[in-house]
Protein backbone atom coordinates (compact mmCIF):
# COMPACT_ATOMS: atom_id res chain seq x y z
CA UNK A 1 -19.74 -7.90 -21.89
CA UNK A 2 -16.13 -7.22 -22.80
CA UNK A 3 -13.62 -9.99 -23.31
CA UNK A 4 -10.96 -10.36 -20.59
CA UNK A 5 -7.31 -10.89 -21.57
CA UNK A 6 -5.91 -14.31 -20.63
CA UNK A 7 -3.04 -12.62 -18.77
CA UNK A 8 -5.39 -10.56 -16.54
CA UNK A 9 -7.74 -13.50 -16.01
CA UNK A 10 -4.94 -15.86 -14.95
CA UNK A 11 -3.40 -13.27 -12.62
CA UNK A 12 -6.72 -12.72 -10.82
CA UNK A 13 -7.68 -16.42 -10.61
CA UNK A 14 -4.27 -17.66 -9.42
CA UNK A 15 -3.98 -14.97 -6.77
CA UNK A 16 -7.47 -15.52 -5.38
CA UNK A 17 -7.01 -19.27 -5.36
CA UNK A 18 -3.94 -18.83 -3.21
CA UNK A 19 -5.84 -16.45 -0.91
CA UNK A 20 -3.74 -13.40 -1.85
CA UNK A 21 -4.69 -10.11 -3.46
CA UNK A 22 -4.25 -9.90 -7.25
CA UNK A 23 -1.65 -7.36 -8.41
CA UNK A 24 -3.60 -6.56 -11.57
CA UNK A 25 -7.22 -6.71 -12.60
CA UNK A 26 -8.71 -5.63 -9.25
CA UNK A 27 -11.29 -3.57 -11.15
CA UNK A 28 -12.67 -6.81 -12.63
CA UNK A 29 -13.86 -8.02 -9.24
CA UNK A 30 -14.43 -4.82 -7.26
CA UNK A 31 -17.84 -4.69 -5.53
CA UNK A 32 -19.44 -2.41 -2.93
CA UNK A 33 -17.59 0.15 -0.78
CA UNK A 34 -18.39 2.99 -3.16
CA UNK A 35 -18.41 5.60 -0.35
CA UNK A 36 -15.02 4.52 1.04
CA UNK A 37 -13.50 4.47 -2.43
CA UNK A 38 -14.91 7.88 -3.23
CA UNK A 39 -13.36 9.44 -0.12
CA UNK A 40 -9.93 8.05 -1.02
CA UNK A 41 -10.31 9.31 -4.59
CA UNK A 42 -10.73 12.79 -3.11
CA UNK A 43 -7.38 12.22 -1.33
CA UNK A 44 -5.78 11.25 -4.64
CA UNK A 45 -7.09 14.48 -6.23
CA UNK A 46 -5.84 16.47 -3.24
CA UNK A 47 -2.34 14.99 -3.63
CA UNK A 48 -2.32 15.77 -7.33
CA UNK A 49 -3.12 19.38 -6.33
CA UNK A 50 -0.05 19.54 -4.08
CA UNK A 51 -1.93 18.82 -0.84
CA UNK A 52 -1.37 16.02 1.68
CA UNK A 53 -3.45 13.12 2.96
CA UNK A 54 -3.50 10.64 5.83
CA UNK A 55 -5.87 7.70 6.23
CA UNK A 56 -6.05 4.65 8.43
CA UNK A 57 -8.06 1.88 6.74
CA UNK A 58 -9.45 -0.48 9.35
CA UNK A 59 -11.08 -3.83 8.65
CA UNK A 60 -11.32 -7.34 10.06
CA UNK A 61 -8.84 -10.01 9.01
CA UNK A 62 -9.86 -11.31 5.56
CA UNK A 63 -12.39 -8.47 5.00
CA UNK A 64 -10.52 -7.02 2.02
CA UNK A 65 -8.16 -4.32 3.41
CA UNK A 66 -5.23 -5.28 1.23
CA UNK A 67 -7.49 -5.54 -1.81
CA UNK A 68 -8.87 -2.08 -1.09
CA UNK A 69 -5.37 -0.59 -0.65
CA UNK A 70 -4.22 -2.16 -3.93
CA UNK A 71 -7.27 -0.78 -5.73
CA UNK A 72 -6.56 2.73 -4.39
CA UNK A 73 -2.92 2.39 -5.47
CA UNK A 74 -3.99 1.39 -8.97
CA UNK A 75 -6.28 4.42 -9.22
CA UNK A 76 -3.53 6.73 -7.88
CA UNK A 77 -1.17 5.50 -10.63
CA UNK A 78 -3.83 6.13 -13.28
CA UNK A 79 -4.03 9.73 -11.98
CA UNK A 80 -0.26 10.19 -12.56
CA UNK A 81 0.82 9.70 -8.96
CA UNK A 82 3.83 7.69 -7.89
CA UNK A 83 3.03 4.99 -5.34
CA UNK A 84 5.14 3.10 -2.80
CA UNK A 85 3.95 0.18 -0.74
CA UNK A 86 5.25 -2.27 1.86
CA UNK A 87 3.99 -4.59 4.58
CA UNK A 88 5.27 -3.98 8.08
CA UNK A 89 6.87 -6.92 9.88
CA UNK A 90 9.31 -7.34 12.82
CA UNK A 91 12.21 -6.34 10.51
CA UNK A 92 10.39 -3.40 8.89
CA UNK A 93 8.96 -0.65 11.05
CA UNK A 94 8.49 3.13 11.03
CA UNK A 95 10.86 3.83 13.92
CA UNK A 96 13.83 1.76 15.03
CA UNK A 97 17.47 1.97 15.93
CA UNK A 98 18.66 -1.37 14.55
CA UNK A 99 18.11 -0.73 10.82
CA UNK A 100 14.42 -1.85 10.69
CA UNK A 101 13.19 1.59 9.59
CA UNK A 102 15.83 1.75 6.83
CA UNK A 103 14.77 -1.75 5.79
CA UNK A 104 11.16 -0.49 5.49
CA UNK A 105 12.36 2.45 3.37
CA UNK A 106 14.37 0.14 1.07
CA UNK A 107 11.29 -2.06 0.57
CA UNK A 108 9.17 1.03 -0.23
CA UNK A 109 11.78 2.29 -2.71
CA UNK A 110 11.98 -1.15 -4.36
CA UNK A 111 8.16 -1.14 -4.75
CA UNK A 112 8.04 2.36 -6.19
CA UNK A 113 5.53 2.23 -9.04
CA UNK A 114 4.06 4.43 -11.79
CA UNK A 115 1.43 3.92 -14.46
CA UNK A 116 4.02 2.64 -16.94
CA UNK A 117 5.77 0.49 -14.33
CA UNK A 118 3.01 -0.77 -12.03
CA UNK A 119 4.96 -3.72 -10.60
CA UNK A 120 7.65 -1.60 -8.91
CA UNK A 121 11.24 -0.66 -9.72
CA UNK A 122 10.22 2.74 -11.10
CA UNK A 123 12.78 4.83 -9.17
CA UNK A 124 15.46 4.81 -11.88
CA UNK A 125 12.89 5.70 -14.57
CA UNK A 126 11.70 8.70 -12.51
CA UNK A 127 15.28 9.95 -12.03
CA UNK A 128 15.97 9.59 -15.76
CA UNK A 129 12.72 11.39 -16.64
CA UNK A 130 13.79 14.31 -14.43
CA UNK A 131 17.31 14.38 -15.93
CA UNK A 132 16.08 14.24 -19.54
CA UNK A 133 13.76 17.23 -18.80
CA UNK A 134 16.72 19.10 -17.31
CA UNK A 135 18.95 18.23 -20.28
CA UNK A 136 16.33 19.51 -22.76
CA UNK A 137 16.11 22.81 -20.86
CA UNK A 138 19.92 23.06 -20.55
CA UNK A 139 20.27 22.59 -24.29
CA UNK A 140 17.73 25.35 -24.96
CA UNK A 141 19.55 27.71 -22.59
CA UNK A 142 23.01 26.68 -23.75
CA UNK A 143 24.23 25.75 -20.24
CA UNK A 144 25.46 22.56 -18.55
CA UNK A 145 22.82 20.00 -17.50
CA UNK A 146 24.10 20.06 -13.92
CA UNK A 147 23.44 23.80 -13.63
CA UNK A 148 19.75 23.29 -14.47
CA UNK A 149 19.49 20.28 -12.12
CA UNK A 150 20.97 22.32 -9.24
CA UNK A 151 18.58 25.15 -10.06
CA UNK A 152 15.57 22.82 -9.91
CA UNK A 153 16.70 21.08 -6.75
CA UNK A 154 17.58 24.29 -4.92
CA UNK A 155 14.15 24.22 -3.23
CA UNK A 156 15.03 20.86 -1.66
CA UNK A 157 18.15 22.11 0.07
CA UNK A 158 16.20 23.57 3.00
CA UNK A 159 15.02 20.03 3.86
CA UNK A 160 16.85 17.34 5.84
CA UNK A 161 19.44 15.60 3.57
CA UNK A 162 18.35 18.00 0.76
CA UNK A 163 21.91 19.04 -0.23
CA UNK A 164 23.07 15.46 -0.48
CA UNK A 165 19.95 14.49 -2.41
CA UNK A 166 20.77 17.15 -5.02
CA UNK A 167 24.40 15.90 -5.13
CA UNK A 168 23.26 12.32 -5.75
CA UNK A 169 20.92 13.32 -8.62
CA UNK A 170 23.78 15.42 -10.11
CA UNK A 171 26.10 12.37 -9.75
CA UNK A 172 23.55 10.22 -11.63
CA UNK A 173 23.46 12.86 -14.39
CA UNK A 174 27.27 12.78 -14.66
CA UNK A 175 27.17 8.98 -14.85
CA UNK A 176 24.49 9.27 -17.53
CA UNK A 177 26.57 11.68 -19.63
CA UNK A 178 29.87 9.88 -19.17
CA UNK A 179 28.45 6.36 -19.60
CA UNK A 180 29.64 5.54 -16.06
CA UNK A 181 27.29 2.71 -15.06
CA UNK A 182 28.91 2.30 -11.63
CA UNK A 183 28.21 5.94 -10.69
CA UNK A 184 24.58 5.56 -11.83
CA UNK A 185 24.20 2.35 -9.82
CA UNK A 186 25.70 3.97 -6.69
CA UNK A 187 23.33 6.95 -7.00
CA UNK A 188 20.29 4.62 -7.22
CA UNK A 189 21.66 2.59 -4.28
CA UNK A 190 21.82 5.77 -2.19
CA UNK A 191 18.28 6.77 -3.18
CA UNK A 192 17.03 3.29 -2.27
CA UNK A 193 18.67 3.49 1.16
CA UNK A 194 21.04 0.59 0.43
CA UNK A 195 24.22 2.19 1.80
CA UNK A 196 24.79 1.00 5.37
CA UNK A 197 27.74 3.29 6.25
CA UNK A 198 28.51 6.96 5.58
CA UNK A 199 32.10 6.01 4.67
CA UNK A 200 30.93 3.88 1.73
CA UNK A 201 28.57 6.63 0.54
CA UNK A 202 31.33 9.26 0.73
CA UNK A 203 33.76 7.05 -1.22
CA UNK A 204 31.19 6.30 -3.93
CA UNK A 205 29.38 9.63 -4.27
CA UNK A 206 31.17 12.21 -2.14
CA UNK A 207 28.10 12.74 0.13
CA UNK A 208 28.22 12.93 3.91
CA UNK A 209 24.86 11.40 4.81
CA UNK A 210 22.89 8.24 4.09
CA UNK A 211 19.28 7.22 4.54
CA UNK A 212 19.26 5.79 8.06
CA UNK A 213 16.62 4.92 10.65
CA UNK A 214 16.33 8.52 11.81
CA UNK A 215 15.82 10.11 8.37
CA UNK A 216 13.33 7.74 6.69
CA UNK A 217 10.32 10.04 6.92
CA UNK A 218 12.40 13.08 5.86
CA UNK A 219 13.61 11.11 2.85
CA UNK A 220 10.00 10.32 1.85
CA UNK A 221 9.22 14.06 2.05
CA UNK A 222 12.19 14.74 -0.25
CA UNK A 223 11.03 12.08 -2.69
CA UNK A 224 7.50 13.53 -2.79
CA UNK A 225 8.91 16.93 -3.82
CA UNK A 226 11.26 15.30 -6.30
CA UNK A 227 8.58 13.25 -8.12
CA UNK A 228 6.55 16.45 -8.54
CA UNK A 229 9.57 18.13 -10.13
CA UNK A 230 9.85 15.10 -12.44
CA UNK A 231 6.33 15.77 -13.69
CA UNK A 232 4.23 13.45 -11.52
CA UNK A 233 1.27 14.49 -9.38
CA UNK A 234 2.68 13.43 -5.99
CA UNK A 235 3.62 10.41 -3.90
CA UNK A 236 1.26 7.98 -2.16
CA UNK A 237 2.74 5.65 0.48
CA UNK A 238 0.67 2.56 1.37
CA UNK A 239 1.65 0.64 4.50
CA UNK A 240 -0.18 -2.58 5.32
CA UNK A 241 -0.11 -5.04 8.22
CA UNK A 242 0.29 -2.32 10.86
CA UNK A 243 -0.91 -4.86 13.38
CA UNK A 244 2.80 -5.80 13.60
CA UNK A 245 3.32 -2.57 15.59
CA UNK A 246 0.54 -3.61 17.94
CA UNK A 247 2.35 -6.93 18.45
CA UNK A 248 5.64 -5.31 19.53
CA UNK A 249 6.32 -6.47 23.10
CA UNK A 250 8.53 -3.53 24.04
CA UNK A 251 6.34 -0.60 25.13
CA UNK A 252 9.03 1.98 24.32
CA UNK A 253 9.51 0.64 20.81
CA UNK A 254 5.76 0.62 20.23
CA UNK A 255 5.31 4.19 21.49
CA UNK A 256 8.23 5.40 19.36
CA UNK A 257 6.46 3.99 16.28
CA UNK A 258 3.18 5.61 17.31
CA UNK A 259 5.02 8.88 17.81
CA UNK A 260 6.24 8.64 14.22
CA UNK A 261 2.65 8.03 13.03
CA UNK A 262 1.60 11.12 15.04
CA UNK A 263 4.32 13.18 13.31
CA UNK A 264 3.10 12.02 9.88
CA UNK A 265 -0.52 12.73 10.85
CA UNK A 266 0.27 16.23 12.14
CA UNK A 267 2.25 17.09 9.00
CA UNK A 268 -0.59 15.88 6.79
CA UNK A 269 -3.34 17.68 8.67
CA UNK A 270 -1.32 20.91 8.75
CA UNK A 271 -0.54 20.60 5.06
CA UNK A 272 3.23 20.85 5.56
CA UNK A 273 3.97 17.67 3.58
CA UNK A 274 3.56 18.74 -0.04
CA UNK A 275 2.16 16.14 -2.46
CA UNK A 276 2.63 13.31 0.07
CA UNK A 277 -0.13 10.95 1.21
CA UNK A 278 -0.14 7.98 3.58
CA UNK A 279 -2.66 5.15 3.68
CA UNK A 280 -2.19 2.72 6.58
CA UNK A 281 -4.02 -0.61 6.81
CA UNK A 282 -4.69 -2.46 10.07
CA UNK A 283 -7.21 -4.44 12.10
CA UNK A 284 -9.67 -2.84 14.58
CA UNK A 285 -7.42 -4.02 17.48
CA UNK A 286 -4.45 -2.12 16.09
CA UNK A 287 -6.54 1.06 16.20
CA UNK A 288 -8.81 0.73 19.19
CA UNK A 289 -7.00 -1.30 21.82
CA UNK A 290 -6.41 1.28 24.59
CA UNK A 291 -3.64 -0.82 26.13
CA UNK A 292 -1.33 -1.31 23.13
CA UNK A 293 -3.15 -0.07 19.96
CA UNK A 294 -3.02 3.46 18.46
CA UNK A 295 -5.58 4.53 21.09
CA UNK A 296 -3.00 3.75 23.81
CA UNK A 297 -1.23 6.94 22.71
CA UNK A 298 -3.45 9.80 23.94
CA UNK A 299 -2.41 12.34 21.28
CA UNK A 300 -3.35 9.85 18.54
CA UNK A 301 -6.59 8.83 20.21
CA UNK A 302 -7.83 12.44 20.29
CA UNK A 303 -6.94 12.96 16.59
CA UNK A 304 -8.34 9.64 15.36
CA UNK A 305 -11.49 9.57 17.47
CA UNK A 306 -14.60 8.94 15.46
CA UNK A 307 -17.25 11.58 14.81
CA UNK A 308 -19.66 11.31 17.75
CA UNK A 309 -22.56 12.30 15.48
CA UNK A 310 -21.95 9.34 13.12
CA UNK A 311 -24.14 6.86 15.00
CA UNK A 312 -27.06 4.52 14.27
CA UNK A 313 -26.29 3.85 10.64
CA UNK A 314 -24.87 7.32 9.83
CA UNK A 315 -21.36 7.44 8.39
CA UNK A 316 -18.62 10.05 8.17
CA UNK A 317 -15.91 9.13 5.67
CA UNK A 318 -14.14 12.49 5.76
CA UNK A 319 -12.12 11.75 8.95
CA UNK A 320 -8.68 10.10 9.02
CA UNK A 321 -10.11 6.66 9.90
CA UNK A 322 -12.02 4.68 7.29
CA UNK A 323 -13.74 1.58 8.55
CA UNK A 324 -14.35 -0.90 5.78
CA UNK A 325 -17.95 -1.88 6.01
CA UNK A 326 -18.62 -5.57 5.58
CA UNK A 327 -19.84 -6.76 2.23
CA UNK A 328 -23.59 -7.37 2.17
CA UNK A 329 -24.99 -10.67 0.83
CA UNK A 330 -26.06 -8.69 -2.28
CA UNK A 331 -22.47 -7.46 -2.79
CA UNK A 332 -21.21 -11.00 -2.36
CA UNK A 333 -23.69 -12.27 -4.95
CA UNK A 334 -22.36 -9.71 -7.46
CA UNK A 335 -18.79 -10.70 -6.55
CA UNK A 336 -19.45 -14.39 -7.32
CA UNK A 337 -21.03 -13.37 -10.63
CA UNK A 338 -17.91 -11.36 -11.45
CA UNK A 339 -15.66 -14.29 -10.53
CA UNK A 340 -17.67 -16.60 -12.79
CA UNK A 341 -17.32 -14.00 -15.56
CA UNK A 342 -13.53 -13.61 -15.09
CA UNK A 343 -13.08 -17.40 -15.08
CA UNK A 344 -14.90 -17.56 -18.44
CA UNK A 345 -12.69 -14.80 -19.99
CA UNK A 346 -15.75 -12.49 -19.96
CA UNK A 347 -17.67 -14.70 -22.44
CA UNK A 348 -21.19 -15.71 -21.30
CA UNK A 349 -21.22 -18.88 -23.44
CA UNK A 350 -18.20 -20.17 -21.47
CA UNK A 351 -19.85 -19.86 -18.03
CA UNK A 352 -19.22 -23.06 -16.08
CA UNK A 353 -22.11 -22.55 -13.64
CA UNK A 354 -25.73 -21.57 -14.36
CA UNK A 355 -27.33 -18.56 -12.61
CA UNK A 356 -29.15 -20.72 -10.02
CA UNK A 357 -25.83 -22.19 -8.83
CA UNK A 358 -24.70 -18.92 -7.23
CA UNK A 359 -27.54 -18.56 -4.66
CA UNK A 360 -27.23 -22.31 -3.99
CA UNK A 361 -23.49 -21.87 -3.26
CA UNK A 362 -24.25 -18.93 -0.93
CA UNK A 363 -26.90 -20.96 0.92
CA UNK A 364 -24.35 -23.78 1.36
CA UNK A 365 -21.78 -21.31 2.77
CA UNK A 366 -24.36 -19.81 5.10
CA UNK A 367 -25.14 -23.25 6.50
CA UNK A 368 -21.46 -24.00 7.14
CA UNK A 369 -20.12 -20.63 8.27
CA UNK A 370 -23.07 -18.39 9.09
CA UNK A 371 -22.61 -14.69 8.28
CA UNK A 372 -18.79 -14.93 8.25
CA UNK A 373 -18.91 -16.13 4.64
CA UNK A 374 -19.57 -12.63 3.25
CA UNK A 375 -18.11 -10.53 6.08
CA UNK A 376 -14.64 -12.03 5.71
CA UNK A 377 -14.90 -13.50 2.21
CA UNK A 378 -11.35 -14.81 1.65
CA UNK A 379 -12.02 -18.53 2.33
CA UNK A 380 -15.36 -18.51 0.50
CA UNK A 381 -13.83 -16.97 -2.64
CA UNK A 382 -11.08 -19.60 -2.67
CA UNK A 383 -13.72 -22.37 -2.32
CA UNK A 384 -15.74 -20.93 -5.24
CA UNK A 385 -12.70 -20.81 -7.53
CA UNK A 386 -11.76 -24.38 -6.54
CA UNK A 387 -15.31 -25.44 -7.48
CA UNK A 388 -14.99 -23.74 -10.90
CA UNK A 389 -11.60 -25.41 -11.45
CA UNK A 390 -13.04 -28.90 -10.83
CA UNK A 391 -16.01 -28.28 -13.16
CA UNK A 392 -13.67 -26.96 -15.88
CA UNK A 393 -11.53 -30.10 -15.76
CA UNK A 394 -14.44 -32.52 -15.31
CA UNK A 395 -17.16 -31.28 -17.70
CA UNK A 396 -19.45 -34.24 -16.97
CA UNK A 397 -19.59 -33.52 -13.22
CA UNK A 398 -22.86 -32.17 -11.82
CA UNK A 399 -22.41 -28.92 -9.87
CA UNK A 400 -25.20 -29.90 -7.45
CA UNK A 401 -23.34 -33.03 -6.38
CA UNK A 402 -20.08 -31.11 -6.07
CA UNK A 403 -21.66 -28.37 -4.00
CA UNK A 404 -22.45 -30.72 -1.13
CA UNK A 405 -18.80 -31.74 -1.02
CA UNK A 406 -17.42 -28.16 -0.76
CA UNK A 407 -15.61 -27.99 2.56
CA UNK A 408 -15.46 -24.62 4.29
CA UNK A 409 -13.55 -23.82 7.43
CA UNK A 410 -13.78 -20.56 9.31
CA UNK A 411 -10.77 -18.32 8.69
CA UNK A 412 -9.06 -18.22 12.09
CA UNK A 413 -5.73 -16.78 10.98
CA UNK A 414 -6.72 -13.34 12.33
CA UNK A 415 -6.59 -14.75 15.85
CA UNK A 416 -2.79 -14.70 15.59
CA UNK A 417 -2.94 -10.91 15.66
CA UNK A 418 -4.49 -11.01 19.08
CA UNK A 419 -1.98 -13.48 20.44
CA UNK A 420 0.73 -11.16 21.64
CA UNK A 421 3.52 -11.43 24.16
CA UNK A 422 3.11 -9.64 27.46
CA UNK A 423 4.55 -6.13 27.59
CA UNK A 424 8.08 -5.89 28.92
CA UNK A 425 7.50 -2.51 30.54
CA UNK A 426 10.03 -3.23 33.28
CA UNK A 427 12.79 -4.27 30.90
CA UNK A 428 14.03 -0.71 30.57
CA UNK A 429 13.24 0.29 34.16
CA UNK A 430 16.14 2.00 35.95
CA UNK A 431 16.34 3.03 39.59
């Protein structure tokens, strides 16, 4: 049994105690879902080969979607991919006209991560890596760095905003060579989608376009090509909490977002998005509700429909939709063992609970919650960590006595997703 670093242990324990997904150390507590993970690993390999990928990960509230997405992101970074991630909310969506799509892009750019910078903020490092490669080549050829950069980025000019993208990278290079920090900062601001007007962008960088609501997806396509030129395998974009699209009251706004998802899906399936993958996370309602979910959009329903042969216990994980199977009681048992191990820094002599305490804890949960305790394990995990915390601080306490006092309430927060305002279909009705 290998020793666990205090930093990783604390990050995992504190996150789980608060009911949120740990940013590091997911591998320490990963259980089950080998098939689902394997199919997403194939996507990661496909991206690294210059292909494209599109997946919708569907699971109940509290069943571990976000954990699964974070685990996949961590693996993608290990395989030399660049990742971006963001949660959708009313102010961040895929399609909008009031700046919400640009806001989503800015959040994605802020959370851009690589193996050496897993917590985000990797955009500047990627740009500098590309420029230093170009400078090395320029030196060998005896030409200006900008000439080599333009040469490399020539393939991007056929894409939307491609010319301006090349201009911005060249501007960053000039700032780099001249020691002009302001020019470098402006170039990064443009790449992050932080310019709100074209006038400001033209004054700062001499470019005529900015990243706006209409060009978000095109900008992601540009970035995926750019990170490959910088020496990375490709770009993986993870979007969570897509149930916020399902909750949009305006039917037009909802359909416009679904249309954008359809565009991304078509590009991925046709292989026209090079080195770009999308993983979307949402609840079953977001996918299957035929009135306002993805299935309300006929073109998406036909593409995301499940394999009709995958019935009565048979699975097909090769399609665009991955349903996260519930953890089994056996998986949950292993998970509690792993949590006990992480809490003790990976040292068996520091275990706070004996082996027989784990089945006793599970039996207690089963009495209070029924099967929900392992199907949507968030509340149960938090209760287990709270139990370990009390035993750690009160060494004389008997775990059997404490177990009877563990309070468990069913996690009802997912019900909020189903509480939506009525559609305002007539709001835009014109005679």
